[in-house]
Amino acid sequence: MPKTAYFRLSDYISTKMRMSHIYQPVMIRELLLRSGKASVEEIATALLAHDPSQIEYYGLRTKNMVGKVLTNNGITEVRKSGRTITGYELPDASDLSAEERDTLIEACDAAIKTFLDARGDQIWSHRVTPSGYISGTLRYEVLKRARFRCELCGISAEEKALEVDHILPRNQRGSDDETNLQAPCYSCNAMKRDRDDTDFRGVRKLYENREEDCIFCELPADRIVAENELALVIRDGFPVTEGHSLVIPKRHVTDYFELFQPELNSVQVLLRKTRATLIEEDSRIDGFNIGVNSGDAAGQTVFHCHIHLIPRRTGDVALPRGGVRGVIPTKQSY
């Protein structure tokens, strides 16, 4: 390699390379090992070798699937450290001759080829998001909302790769709206696919549930100031302050704690959007109270879930300290 190429690469690696992950040096290293040229598959394989999350993923599949099958069939034996499975072994493998071992390896290769010829790429469907293409922009918004942590177990994206997937699957008519997307880590998503036997066939109909004579199920269109697929916003008919708004799920559901995750996502989107709109329209707004009345004892009077978003302005009450603690007046100040 000419000196100019050496110094250019050395300078880039040592001083100019800005890393958010290990990908750049791994790719350069692989290209160097292959005399300057490598296929996408070769580079991807090199990246895979440095990704412990992939090793963990297939470690789980080894213990929970293939290792279990082979052990139950008496082909392998489990190796353990305490109660932890650390590996597997073939009993009496040392008795095999080199020729016998090579013949058995060839038989395994033939079984792999026959299976791949018959099934093709579909055997890897457990590692592919089943719901089709999700745009990069939408993926980013979902990951940003999740603060780059699994929305199921909470683990950081730095520890386990996150996937963006539908909550209500597309094959059950789930939409591509951001509110119907979640960001599970690969482990949670794999467990969801393998073990979740929830029957989704009736879920979509539940979203269409409305109740006759419910004032929030029969809102006139001119009262709605914002909406998305699963929720809407109106101004409160008896406002505590100017701009007091209600974010309401479209489905007739009594209690906040009965909302489905997509509805919670929809409500959150509208809370943020309404807050931004109110601030833009009124520079005097200095804060907000957000509240939900859940049940008679909490003061709920309309039994269709709704979330109050109440703008606050400096001086609107003499002593604002304690905020929502004022639901019990004697406990507001502390």
C-alpha atoms as a PDB file:
ATOM      1  CA  MET A   1       0.000   0.000   0.000  1.00  0.00           C
ATOM      2  CA  PRO A   2       1.496   3.393  -0.970  1.00  0.00           C
ATOM      3  CA  LYS A   3       2.690   5.592   1.881  1.00  0.00           C
ATOM      4  CA  THR A   4       0.059   8.183   1.041  1.00  0.00           C
ATOM      5  CA  ALA A   5      -2.654   5.579   1.614  1.00  0.00           C
ATOM      6  CA  TYR A   6      -1.039   4.526   4.890  1.00  0.00           C
ATOM      7  CA  PHE A   7      -0.825   8.071   6.241  1.00  0.00           C
ATOM      8  CA  ARG A   8      -4.351   8.878   5.069  1.00  0.00           C
ATOM      9  CA  LEU A   9      -5.787   5.837   6.863  1.00  0.00           C
ATOM     10  CA  SER A  10      -3.577   6.285   9.918  1.00  0.00           C
ATOM     11  CA  ASP A  11      -4.571   9.929  10.238  1.00  0.00           C
ATOM     12  CA  TYR A  12      -8.258   9.082   9.879  1.00  0.00           C
ATOM     13  CA  ILE A  13      -8.160   6.237  12.431  1.00  0.00           C
ATOM     14  CA  SER A  14      -6.015   8.133  14.947  1.00  0.00           C
ATOM     15  CA  THR A  15      -7.383  11.675  14.774  1.00  0.00           C
ATOM     16  CA  LYS A  16     -10.389  12.170  12.483  1.00  0.00           C
ATOM     17  CA  MET A  17     -12.622   9.174  13.109  1.00  0.00           C
ATOM     18  CA  ARG A  18     -15.669  10.115  15.186  1.00  0.00           C
ATOM     19  CA  MET A  19     -17.233   6.997  16.637  1.00  0.00           C
ATOM     20  CA  SER A  20     -20.748   6.411  17.903  1.00  0.00           C
ATOM     21  CA  HIS A  21     -20.150   2.642  17.667  1.00  0.00           C
ATOM     22  CA  ILE A  22     -17.356   0.215  16.709  1.00  0.00           C
ATOM     23  CA  TYR A  23     -18.555  -0.150  13.118  1.00  0.00           C
ATOM     24  CA  GLN A  24     -15.978   2.057  11.364  1.00  0.00           C
ATOM     25  CA  PRO A  25     -12.774   0.428  12.672  1.00  0.00           C
ATOM     26  CA  VAL A  26     -14.290  -3.048  12.256  1.00  0.00           C
ATOM     27  CA  MET A  27     -15.051  -2.342   8.598  1.00  0.00           C
ATOM     28  CA  ILE A  28     -11.637  -0.802   7.899  1.00  0.00           C
ATOM     29  CA  ARG A  29      -9.959  -3.746   9.642  1.00  0.00           C
ATOM     30  CA  GLU A  30     -11.908  -6.257   7.531  1.00  0.00           C
ATOM     31  CA  LEU A  31     -10.995  -4.436   4.327  1.00  0.00           C
ATOM     32  CA  LEU A  32      -7.328  -4.427   5.339  1.00  0.00           C
ATOM     33  CA  LEU A  33      -7.427  -8.160   6.110  1.00  0.00           C
ATOM     34  CA  ARG A  34      -8.882  -8.797   2.632  1.00  0.00           C
ATOM     35  CA  SER A  35      -6.352  -6.724   0.675  1.00  0.00           C
ATOM     36  CA  GLY A  36      -8.612  -3.707   0.447  1.00  0.00           C
ATOM     37  CA  LYS A  37     -11.797  -5.332  -0.881  1.00  0.00           C
ATOM     38  CA  ALA A  38     -14.659  -7.054   0.933  1.00  0.00           C
ATOM     39  CA  SER A  39     -18.254  -7.915   0.128  1.00  0.00           C
ATOM     40  CA  VAL A  40     -21.174  -6.558   2.132  1.00  0.00           C
ATOM     41  CA  GLU A  41     -21.684 -10.055   3.553  1.00  0.00           C
ATOM     42  CA  GLU A  42     -18.034 -10.271   4.664  1.00  0.00           C
ATOM     43  CA  ILE A  43     -18.233  -6.884   6.399  1.00  0.00           C
ATOM     44  CA  ALA A  44     -21.562  -7.798   8.000  1.00  0.00           C
ATOM     45  CA  THR A  45     -20.031 -11.058   9.276  1.00  0.00           C
ATOM     46  CA  ALA A  46     -17.163  -9.107  10.834  1.00  0.00           C
ATOM     47  CA  LEU A  47     -19.620  -6.740  12.553  1.00  0.00           C
ATOM     48  CA  LEU A  48     -21.618  -9.722  13.792  1.00  0.00           C
ATOM     49  CA  ALA A  49     -18.504 -11.211  15.397  1.00  0.00           C
ATOM     50  CA  HIS A  50     -18.189  -8.061  17.542  1.00  0.00           C
ATOM     51  CA  ASP A  51     -21.853  -7.908  18.592  1.00  0.00           C
ATOM     52  CA  PRO A  52     -22.389  -9.647  21.956  1.00  0.00           C
ATOM     53  CA  SER A  53     -26.146  -9.101  21.712  1.00  0.00           C
ATOM     54  CA  GLN A  54     -26.268 -11.531  18.763  1.00  0.00           C
ATOM     55  CA  ILE A  55     -24.259 -14.092  20.720  1.00  0.00           C
ATOM     56  CA  GLU A  56     -26.679 -13.720  23.629  1.00  0.00           C
ATOM     57  CA  TYR A  57     -29.651 -14.080  21.286  1.00  0.00           C
ATOM     58  CA  TYR A  58     -28.410 -17.354  19.826  1.00  0.00           C
ATOM     59  CA  GLY A  59     -27.243 -18.474  23.256  1.00  0.00           C
ATOM     60  CA  LEU A  60     -30.855 -18.263  24.412  1.00  0.00           C
ATOM     61  CA  ARG A  61     -32.046 -20.200  21.369  1.00  0.00           C
ATOM     62  CA  THR A  62     -29.360 -22.843  21.999  1.00  0.00           C
ATOM     63  CA  LYS A  63     -30.498 -23.411  25.590  1.00  0.00           C
ATOM     64  CA  ASN A  64     -34.237 -23.046  25.074  1.00  0.00           C
ATOM     65  CA  MET A  65     -34.624 -24.799  21.726  1.00  0.00           C
ATOM     66  CA  VAL A  66     -31.962 -26.837  19.922  1.00  0.00           C
ATOM     67  CA  GLY A  67     -30.003 -27.830  23.037  1.00  0.00           C
ATOM     68  CA  LYS A  68     -33.192 -28.959  24.735  1.00  0.00           C
ATOM     69  CA  VAL A  69     -34.278 -31.049  21.714  1.00  0.00           C
ATOM     70  CA  LEU A  70     -30.912 -32.787  21.302  1.00  0.00           C
ATOM     71  CA  THR A  71     -30.589 -33.469  25.028  1.00  0.00           C
ATOM     72  CA  ASN A  72     -34.137 -34.852  25.260  1.00  0.00           C
ATOM     73  CA  ASN A  73     -33.305 -37.161  22.347  1.00  0.00           C
ATOM     74  CA  GLY A  74     -30.199 -38.454  24.140  1.00  0.00           C
ATOM     75  CA  ILE A  75     -27.773 -36.980  21.588  1.00  0.00           C
ATOM     76  CA  THR A  76     -26.114 -34.371  23.814  1.00  0.00           C
ATOM     77  CA  GLU A  77     -25.467 -33.879  27.506  1.00  0.00           C
ATOM     78  CA  VAL A  78     -25.640 -30.556  29.324  1.00  0.00           C
ATOM     79  CA  ARG A  79     -22.574 -28.997  30.925  1.00  0.00           C
ATOM     80  CA  LYS A  80     -23.292 -26.759  33.909  1.00  0.00           C
ATOM     81  CA  SER A  81     -21.615 -24.441  36.370  1.00  0.00           C
ATOM     82  CA  GLY A  82     -23.863 -24.607  39.401  1.00  0.00           C
ATOM     83  CA  ARG A  83     -27.365 -24.211  37.974  1.00  0.00           C
ATOM     84  CA  THR A  84     -26.220 -22.335  34.857  1.00  0.00           C
ATOM     85  CA  ILE A  85     -25.938 -24.152  31.524  1.00  0.00           C
ATOM     86  CA  THR A  86     -22.495 -23.405  30.104  1.00  0.00           C
ATOM     87  CA  GLY A  87     -22.311 -25.826  27.194  1.00  0.00           C
ATOM     88  CA  TYR A  88     -23.078 -29.232  25.672  1.00  0.00           C
ATOM     89  CA  GLU A  89     -21.106 -32.301  24.779  1.00  0.00           C
ATOM     90  CA  LEU A  90     -21.491 -35.399  22.616  1.00  0.00           C
ATOM     91  CA  PRO A  91     -21.043 -38.467  24.827  1.00  0.00           C
ATOM     92  CA  ASP A  92     -18.237 -40.761  23.639  1.00  0.00           C
ATOM     93  CA  ALA A  93     -17.232 -38.307  20.885  1.00  0.00           C
ATOM     94  CA  SER A  94     -13.602 -39.169  21.674  1.00  0.00           C
ATOM     95  CA  ASP A  95     -14.286 -42.730  20.478  1.00  0.00           C
ATOM     96  CA  LEU A  96     -14.986 -41.532  16.928  1.00  0.00           C
ATOM     97  CA  SER A  97     -12.282 -41.976  14.320  1.00  0.00           C
ATOM     98  CA  ALA A  98     -11.290 -38.998  12.168  1.00  0.00           C
ATOM     99  CA  GLU A  99     -13.004 -40.651   9.198  1.00  0.00           C
ATOM    100  CA  GLU A 100     -16.213 -41.255  11.176  1.00  0.00           C
ATOM    101  CA  ARG A 101     -16.210 -37.656  12.403  1.00  0.00           C
ATOM    102  CA  ASP A 102     -15.727 -36.296   8.870  1.00  0.00           C
ATOM    103  CA  THR A 103     -18.538 -38.530   7.572  1.00  0.00           C
ATOM    104  CA  LEU A 104     -20.894 -37.278  10.282  1.00  0.00           C
ATOM    105  CA  ILE A 105     -19.973 -33.642   9.516  1.00  0.00           C
ATOM    106  CA  GLU A 106     -20.726 -34.271   5.847  1.00  0.00           C
ATOM    107  CA  ALA A 107     -24.101 -35.731   6.861  1.00  0.00           C
ATOM    108  CA  CYS A 108     -24.847 -32.570   8.861  1.00  0.00           C
ATOM    109  CA  ASP A 109     -23.849 -30.392   5.900  1.00  0.00           C
ATOM    110  CA  ALA A 110     -26.137 -32.427   3.636  1.00  0.00           C
ATOM    111  CA  ALA A 111     -29.051 -32.092   6.092  1.00  0.00           C
ATOM    112  CA  ILE A 112     -28.518 -28.315   6.242  1.00  0.00           C
ATOM    113  CA  LYS A 113     -28.426 -28.025   2.434  1.00  0.00           C
ATOM    114  CA  THR A 114     -31.528 -30.167   1.964  1.00  0.00           C
ATOM    115  CA  PHE A 115     -33.464 -28.114   4.488  1.00  0.00           C
ATOM    116  CA  LEU A 116     -32.349 -24.774   3.030  1.00  0.00           C
ATOM    117  CA  ASP A 117     -33.195 -25.926  -0.486  1.00  0.00           C
ATOM    118  CA  ALA A 118     -36.701 -26.844   0.671  1.00  0.00           C
ATOM    119  CA  ARG A 119     -37.446 -23.888   2.967  1.00  0.00           C
ATOM    120  CA  GLY A 120     -35.250 -21.030   1.772  1.00  0.00           C
ATOM    121  CA  ASP A 121     -34.893 -17.749   3.681  1.00  0.00           C
ATOM    122  CA  GLN A 122     -38.159 -18.193   5.573  1.00  0.00           C
ATOM    123  CA  ILE A 123     -36.335 -20.188   8.248  1.00  0.00           C
ATOM    124  CA  TRP A 124     -34.827 -16.893   9.444  1.00  0.00           C
ATOM    125  CA  SER A 125     -38.193 -15.134   9.751  1.00  0.00           C
ATOM    126  CA  HIS A 126     -37.848 -15.076  13.550  1.00  0.00           C
ATOM    127  CA  ARG A 127     -35.020 -12.536  13.067  1.00  0.00           C
ATOM    128  CA  VAL A 128     -36.980 -10.313  10.677  1.00  0.00           C
ATOM    129  CA  THR A 129     -39.575  -7.774  11.754  1.00  0.00           C
ATOM    130  CA  PRO A 130     -42.723  -9.498  10.446  1.00  0.00           C
ATOM    131  CA  SER A 131     -44.758  -6.406   9.754  1.00  0.00           C
ATOM    132  CA  GLY A 132     -42.930  -5.047   6.719  1.00  0.00           C
ATOM    133  CA  TYR A 133     -41.077  -1.823   6.070  1.00  0.00           C
ATOM    134  CA  ILE A 134     -41.085   0.954   8.672  1.00  0.00           C
ATOM    135  CA  SER A 135     -39.459   4.176   7.477  1.00  0.00           C
ATOM    136  CA  GLY A 136     -36.248   5.371   9.069  1.00  0.00           C
ATOM    137  CA  THR A 137     -37.890   8.608  10.185  1.00  0.00           C
ATOM    138  CA  LEU A 138     -40.717   6.747  11.920  1.00  0.00           C
ATOM    139  CA  ARG A 139     -38.283   4.286  13.511  1.00  0.00           C
ATOM    140  CA  TYR A 140     -36.286   7.198  14.899  1.00  0.00           C
ATOM    141  CA  GLU A 141     -39.396   8.842  16.378  1.00  0.00           C
ATOM    142  CA  VAL A 142     -40.417   5.594  18.096  1.00  0.00           C
ATOM    143  CA  LEU A 143     -36.899   5.045  19.480  1.00  0.00           C
ATOM    144  CA  LYS A 144     -36.725   8.667  20.612  1.00  0.00           C
ATOM    145  CA  ARG A 145     -40.061   8.318  22.404  1.00  0.00           C
ATOM    146  CA  ALA A 146     -38.704   5.214  24.145  1.00  0.00           C
ATOM    147  CA  ARG A 147     -35.572   7.181  25.146  1.00  0.00           C
ATOM    148  CA  PHE A 148     -33.613   4.376  23.468  1.00  0.00           C
ATOM    149  CA  ARG A 149     -34.722   1.835  26.074  1.00  0.00           C
ATOM    150  CA  CYS A 150     -36.843  -1.288  25.606  1.00  0.00           C
ATOM    151  CA  GLU A 151     -40.464  -0.314  26.249  1.00  0.00           C
ATOM    152  CA  LEU A 152     -41.100  -3.738  27.799  1.00  0.00           C
ATOM    153  CA  CYS A 153     -38.118  -4.509  30.066  1.00  0.00           C
ATOM    154  CA  GLY A 154     -36.399  -1.105  30.132  1.00  0.00           C
ATOM    155  CA  ILE A 155     -32.922  -2.255  29.120  1.00  0.00           C
ATOM    156  CA  SER A 156     -30.723   0.312  27.326  1.00  0.00           C
ATOM    157  CA  ALA A 157     -30.142   0.101  23.573  1.00  0.00           C
ATOM    158  CA  GLU A 158     -26.413   0.078  24.402  1.00  0.00           C
ATOM    159  CA  GLU A 159     -26.875  -3.320  26.050  1.00  0.00           C
ATOM    160  CA  LYS A 160     -29.379  -4.917  23.683  1.00  0.00           C
ATOM    161  CA  ALA A 161     -30.379  -3.955  20.160  1.00  0.00           C
ATOM    162  CA  LEU A 162     -33.854  -2.420  19.926  1.00  0.00           C
ATOM    163  CA  GLU A 163     -36.385  -3.320  17.264  1.00  0.00           C
ATOM    164  CA  VAL A 164     -39.375  -1.273  16.139  1.00  0.00           C
ATOM    165  CA  ASP A 165     -42.490  -3.379  15.690  1.00  0.00           C
ATOM    166  CA  HIS A 166     -46.272  -3.097  15.579  1.00  0.00           C
ATOM    167  CA  ILE A 167     -48.311  -3.504  18.752  1.00  0.00           C
ATOM    168  CA  LEU A 168     -51.424  -4.613  16.879  1.00  0.00           C
ATOM    169  CA  PRO A 169     -49.912  -6.580  13.942  1.00  0.00           C
ATOM    170  CA  ARG A 170     -50.488  -5.542  10.356  1.00  0.00           C
ATOM    171  CA  ASN A 171     -52.044  -8.921   9.629  1.00  0.00           C
ATOM    172  CA  GLN A 172     -54.702  -7.980  12.179  1.00  0.00           C
ATOM    173  CA  ARG A 173     -55.204  -4.636  10.405  1.00  0.00           C
ATOM    174  CA  GLY A 174     -52.905  -2.738  12.744  1.00  0.00           C
ATOM    175  CA  SER A 175     -51.878   0.629  11.342  1.00  0.00           C
ATOM    176  CA  ASP A 176     -48.432   2.107  10.655  1.00  0.00           C
ATOM    177  CA  ASP A 177     -49.273   5.093  12.851  1.00  0.00           C
ATOM    178  CA  GLU A 178     -46.579   5.931  15.408  1.00  0.00           C
ATOM    179  CA  THR A 179     -49.034   5.208  18.224  1.00  0.00           C
ATOM    180  CA  ASN A 180     -49.256   1.563  17.101  1.00  0.00           C
ATOM    181  CA  LEU A 181     -45.482   1.057  17.162  1.00  0.00           C
ATOM    182  CA  GLN A 182     -43.306   0.021  20.072  1.00  0.00           C
ATOM    183  CA  ALA A 183     -39.591  -0.400  20.693  1.00  0.00           C
ATOM    184  CA  PRO A 184     -38.848  -3.745  22.367  1.00  0.00           C
ATOM    185  CA  CYS A 185     -35.348  -5.147  22.671  1.00  0.00           C
ATOM    186  CA  TYR A 186     -34.636  -8.173  20.483  1.00  0.00           C
ATOM    187  CA  SER A 187     -35.099 -10.538  23.456  1.00  0.00           C
ATOM    188  CA  CYS A 188     -38.538  -9.202  24.405  1.00  0.00           C
ATOM    189  CA  ASN A 189     -39.631  -9.150  20.776  1.00  0.00           C
ATOM    190  CA  ALA A 190     -38.460 -12.728  20.245  1.00  0.00           C
ATOM    191  CA  MET A 191     -40.305 -13.874  23.376  1.00  0.00           C
ATOM    192  CA  LYS A 192     -43.410 -11.989  22.267  1.00  0.00           C
ATOM    193  CA  ARG A 193     -43.383 -13.741  18.887  1.00  0.00           C
ATOM    194  CA  ASP A 194     -42.655 -17.189  20.272  1.00  0.00           C
ATOM    195  CA  ARG A 195     -44.901 -17.180  23.330  1.00  0.00           C
ATOM    196  CA  ASP A 196     -47.608 -14.540  23.016  1.00  0.00           C
ATOM    197  CA  ASP A 197     -50.876 -16.352  22.247  1.00  0.00           C
ATOM    198  CA  THR A 198     -53.115 -13.308  22.597  1.00  0.00           C
ATOM    199  CA  ASP A 199     -56.063 -13.486  20.192  1.00  0.00           C
ATOM    200  CA  PHE A 200     -55.991 -10.137  18.401  1.00  0.00           C
ATOM    201  CA  ARG A 201     -59.047 -10.791  16.252  1.00  0.00           C
ATOM    202  CA  GLY A 202     -61.398  -8.832  18.520  1.00  0.00           C
ATOM    203  CA  VAL A 203     -59.037  -6.051  19.509  1.00  0.00           C
ATOM    204  CA  ARG A 204     -59.734  -3.779  16.558  1.00  0.00           C
ATOM    205  CA  LYS A 205     -63.468  -3.922  17.237  1.00  0.00           C
ATOM    206  CA  LEU A 206     -62.802  -2.819  20.805  1.00  0.00           C
ATOM    207  CA  TYR A 207     -61.292   0.417  19.492  1.00  0.00           C
ATOM    208  CA  GLU A 208     -64.597   1.108  17.784  1.00  0.00           C
ATOM    209  CA  ASN A 209     -66.587   0.817  21.021  1.00  0.00           C
ATOM    210  CA  ARG A 210     -68.883   3.828  21.603  1.00  0.00           C
ATOM    211  CA  GLU A 211     -71.698   4.237  24.124  1.00  0.00           C
ATOM    212  CA  GLU A 212     -75.022   5.885  23.425  1.00  0.00           C
ATOM    213  CA  ASP A 213     -75.711   9.029  25.475  1.00  0.00           C
ATOM    214  CA  CYS A 214     -72.040   9.392  26.501  1.00  0.00           C
ATOM    215  CA  ILE A 215     -71.153  13.055  25.982  1.00  0.00           C
ATOM    216  CA  PHE A 216     -67.583  12.189  24.952  1.00  0.00           C
ATOM    217  CA  CYS A 217     -68.724   9.499  22.491  1.00  0.00           C
ATOM    218  CA  GLU A 218     -71.064  11.951  20.755  1.00  0.00           C
ATOM    219  CA  LEU A 219     -68.950  15.100  20.521  1.00  0.00           C
ATOM    220  CA  PRO A 220     -69.881  17.528  17.724  1.00  0.00           C
ATOM    221  CA  ALA A 221     -67.094  17.985  15.201  1.00  0.00           C
ATOM    222  CA  ASP A 222     -66.765  21.708  15.892  1.00  0.00           C
ATOM    223  CA  ARG A 223     -65.620  21.043  19.469  1.00  0.00           C
ATOM    224  CA  ILE A 224     -62.647  18.913  18.428  1.00  0.00           C
ATOM    225  CA  VAL A 225     -59.475  21.008  18.223  1.00  0.00           C
ATOM    226  CA  ALA A 226     -57.025  18.161  17.487  1.00  0.00           C
ATOM    227  CA  GLU A 227     -57.130  14.410  17.004  1.00  0.00           C
ATOM    228  CA  ASN A 228     -55.261  11.345  15.850  1.00  0.00           C
ATOM    229  CA  GLU A 229     -56.347   7.790  15.152  1.00  0.00           C
ATOM    230  CA  LEU A 230     -57.274   6.856  18.719  1.00  0.00           C
ATOM    231  CA  ALA A 231     -57.756  10.082  20.702  1.00  0.00           C
ATOM    232  CA  LEU A 232     -58.945  13.679  20.411  1.00  0.00           C
ATOM    233  CA  VAL A 233     -58.729  17.045  22.169  1.00  0.00           C
ATOM    234  CA  ILE A 234     -61.470  19.486  23.179  1.00  0.00           C
ATOM    235  CA  ARG A 235     -61.518  22.583  25.358  1.00  0.00           C
ATOM    236  CA  ASP A 236     -63.124  21.955  28.744  1.00  0.00           C
ATOM    237  CA  GLY A 237     -66.727  23.193  28.956  1.00  0.00           C
ATOM    238  CA  PHE A 238     -66.096  24.474  32.480  1.00  0.00           C
ATOM    239  CA  PRO A 239     -62.451  25.586  32.319  1.00  0.00           C
ATOM    240  CA  VAL A 240     -60.351  26.007  35.432  1.00  0.00           C
ATOM    241  CA  THR A 241     -58.088  28.372  33.475  1.00  0.00           C
ATOM    242  CA  GLU A 242     -58.078  29.743  29.933  1.00  0.00           C
ATOM    243  CA  GLY A 243     -57.020  26.997  27.520  1.00  0.00           C
ATOM    244  CA  HIS A 244     -58.008  24.143  29.888  1.00  0.00           C
ATOM    245  CA  SER A 245     -58.165  21.129  27.553  1.00  0.00           C
ATOM    246  CA  LEU A 246     -59.292  17.519  27.723  1.00  0.00           C
ATOM    247  CA  VAL A 247     -57.496  14.708  25.909  1.00  0.00           C
ATOM    248  CA  ILE A 248     -60.006  11.918  25.366  1.00  0.00           C
ATOM    249  CA  PRO A 249     -59.593   8.389  23.955  1.00  0.00           C
ATOM    250  CA  LYS A 250     -62.126   7.762  21.194  1.00  0.00           C
ATOM    251  CA  ARG A 251     -62.972   4.303  22.513  1.00  0.00           C
ATOM    252  CA  HIS A 252     -65.535   4.352  25.289  1.00  0.00           C
ATOM    253  CA  VAL A 253     -63.461   3.305  28.263  1.00  0.00           C
ATOM    254  CA  THR A 254     -64.210   4.311  31.840  1.00  0.00           C
ATOM    255  CA  ASP A 255     -60.810   4.401  33.445  1.00  0.00           C
ATOM    256  CA  TYR A 256     -57.342   5.634  32.486  1.00  0.00           C
ATOM    257  CA  PHE A 257     -55.887   2.357  33.743  1.00  0.00           C
ATOM    258  CA  GLU A 258     -57.932   0.412  31.170  1.00  0.00           C
ATOM    259  CA  LEU A 259     -56.326   2.147  28.184  1.00  0.00           C
ATOM    260  CA  PHE A 260     -54.413  -0.018  25.710  1.00  0.00           C
ATOM    261  CA  GLN A 261     -50.789   0.873  24.987  1.00  0.00           C
ATOM    262  CA  PRO A 262     -51.569   2.398  21.565  1.00  0.00           C
ATOM    263  CA  GLU A 263     -54.171   4.619  23.251  1.00  0.00           C
ATOM    264  CA  LEU A 264     -51.652   5.698  25.879  1.00  0.00           C
ATOM    265  CA  ASN A 265     -49.268   6.548  23.043  1.00  0.00           C
ATOM    266  CA  SER A 266     -52.001   8.516  21.254  1.00  0.00           C
ATOM    267  CA  VAL A 267     -52.890  10.431  24.405  1.00  0.00           C
ATOM    268  CA  GLN A 268     -49.245  11.255  25.057  1.00  0.00           C
ATOM    269  CA  VAL A 269     -48.790  12.583  21.516  1.00  0.00           C
ATOM    270  CA  LEU A 270     -51.826  14.859  21.885  1.00  0.00           C
ATOM    271  CA  LEU A 271     -50.801  16.068  25.341  1.00  0.00           C
ATOM    272  CA  ARG A 272     -47.452  17.196  23.940  1.00  0.00           C
ATOM    273  CA  LYS A 273     -49.013  18.693  20.823  1.00  0.00           C
ATOM    274  CA  THR A 274     -51.687  20.585  22.791  1.00  0.00           C
ATOM    275  CA  ARG A 275     -49.139  21.877  25.292  1.00  0.00           C
ATOM    276  CA  ALA A 276     -46.983  23.221  22.431  1.00  0.00           C
ATOM    277  CA  THR A 277     -49.988  24.848  20.744  1.00  0.00           C
ATOM    278  CA  LEU A 278     -51.172  26.545  23.937  1.00  0.00           C
ATOM    279  CA  ILE A 279     -47.702  27.922  24.682  1.00  0.00           C
ATOM    280  CA  GLU A 280     -47.405  29.213  21.132  1.00  0.00           C
ATOM    281  CA  GLU A 281     -50.799  30.954  21.409  1.00  0.00           C
ATOM    282  CA  ASP A 282     -50.254  32.430  24.892  1.00  0.00           C
ATOM    283  CA  SER A 283     -46.821  33.551  26.070  1.00  0.00           C
ATOM    284  CA  ARG A 284     -48.174  34.086  29.604  1.00  0.00           C
ATOM    285  CA  ILE A 285     -48.338  30.330  30.244  1.00  0.00           C
ATOM    286  CA  ASP A 286     -45.620  29.323  32.705  1.00  0.00           C
ATOM    287  CA  GLY A 287     -46.639  25.775  33.605  1.00  0.00           C
ATOM    288  CA  PHE A 288     -49.302  23.053  33.465  1.00  0.00           C
ATOM    289  CA  ASN A 289     -51.238  20.730  35.704  1.00  0.00           C
ATOM    290  CA  ILE A 290     -52.027  17.324  34.216  1.00  0.00           C
ATOM    291  CA  GLY A 291     -54.647  15.258  35.958  1.00  0.00           C
ATOM    292  CA  VAL A 292     -56.993  12.273  35.718  1.00  0.00           C
ATOM    293  CA  ASN A 293     -59.992  11.610  37.940  1.00  0.00           C
ATOM    294  CA  SER A 294     -60.321   7.836  38.279  1.00  0.00           C
ATOM    295  CA  GLY A 295     -63.454   6.699  40.098  1.00  0.00           C
ATOM    296  CA  ASP A 296     -66.150   8.308  42.259  1.00  0.00           C
ATOM    297  CA  ALA A 297     -63.849   8.761  45.221  1.00  0.00           C
ATOM    298  CA  ALA A 298     -61.405  10.695  43.038  1.00  0.00           C
ATOM    299  CA  GLY A 299     -64.125  13.027  41.781  1.00  0.00           C
ATOM    300  CA  GLN A 300     -64.814  11.497  38.374  1.00  0.00           C
ATOM    301  CA  THR A 301     -68.201  12.659  37.066  1.00  0.00           C
ATOM    302  CA  VAL A 302     -68.037  11.682  33.379  1.00  0.00           C
ATOM    303  CA  PHE A 303     -67.243   7.987  33.159  1.00  0.00           C
ATOM    304  CA  HIS A 304     -65.426   8.116  29.871  1.00  0.00           C
ATOM    305  CA  CYS A 305     -61.697   8.455  30.517  1.00  0.00           C
ATOM    306  CA  HIS A 306     -60.297  11.944  29.939  1.00  0.00           C
ATOM    307  CA  ILE A 307     -57.060  13.682  30.878  1.00  0.00           C
ATOM    308  CA  HIS A 308     -57.064  17.314  31.993  1.00  0.00           C
ATOM    309  CA  LEU A 309     -54.339  19.621  30.689  1.00  0.00           C
ATOM    310  CA  ILE A 310     -54.600  22.883  32.627  1.00  0.00           C
ATOM    311  CA  PRO A 311     -52.368  25.841  31.687  1.00  0.00           C
ATOM    312  CA  ARG A 312     -50.996  27.815  34.623  1.00  0.00           C
ATOM    313  CA  ARG A 313     -49.863  31.431  34.687  1.00  0.00           C
ATOM    314  CA  THR A 314     -47.809  33.115  37.366  1.00  0.00           C
ATOM    315  CA  GLY A 315     -50.182  34.781  39.812  1.00  0.00           C
ATOM    316  CA  ASP A 316     -53.348  32.900  38.796  1.00  0.00           C
ATOM    317  CA  VAL A 317     -53.619  31.831  42.456  1.00  0.00           C
ATOM    318  CA  ALA A 318     -51.977  33.322  45.506  1.00  0.00           C
ATOM    319  CA  LEU A 319     -50.253  30.111  46.644  1.00  0.00           C
ATOM    320  CA  PRO A 320     -49.715  27.539  43.859  1.00  0.00           C
ATOM    321  CA  ARG A 321     -47.315  25.415  45.953  1.00  0.00           C
ATOM    322  CA  GLY A 322     -48.383  21.774  46.053  1.00  0.00           C
ATOM    323  CA  GLY A 323     -50.276  21.843  42.747  1.00  0.00           C
ATOM    324  CA  VAL A 324     -52.321  18.666  42.333  1.00  0.00           C
ATOM    325  CA  ARG A 325     -51.998  17.970  46.052  1.00  0.00           C
ATOM    326  CA  GLY A 326     -54.866  20.464  46.275  1.00  0.00           C
ATOM    327  CA  VAL A 327     -57.317  17.630  45.561  1.00  0.00           C
ATOM    328  CA  ILE A 328     -57.177  17.285  49.351  1.00  0.00           C
ATOM    329  CA  PRO A 329     -57.245  21.020  50.264  1.00  0.00           C
ATOM    330  CA  THR A 330     -55.726  20.587  53.720  1.00  0.00           C
ATOM    331  CA  LYS A 331     -52.766  18.710  52.228  1.00  0.00           C
ATOM    332  CA  GLN A 332     -51.863  21.097  49.418  1.00  0.00           C
ATOM    333  CA  SER A 333     -49.338  23.125  51.356  1.00  0.00           C
ATOM    334  CA  TYR A 334     -46.511  21.258  53.045  1.00  0.00           C
END
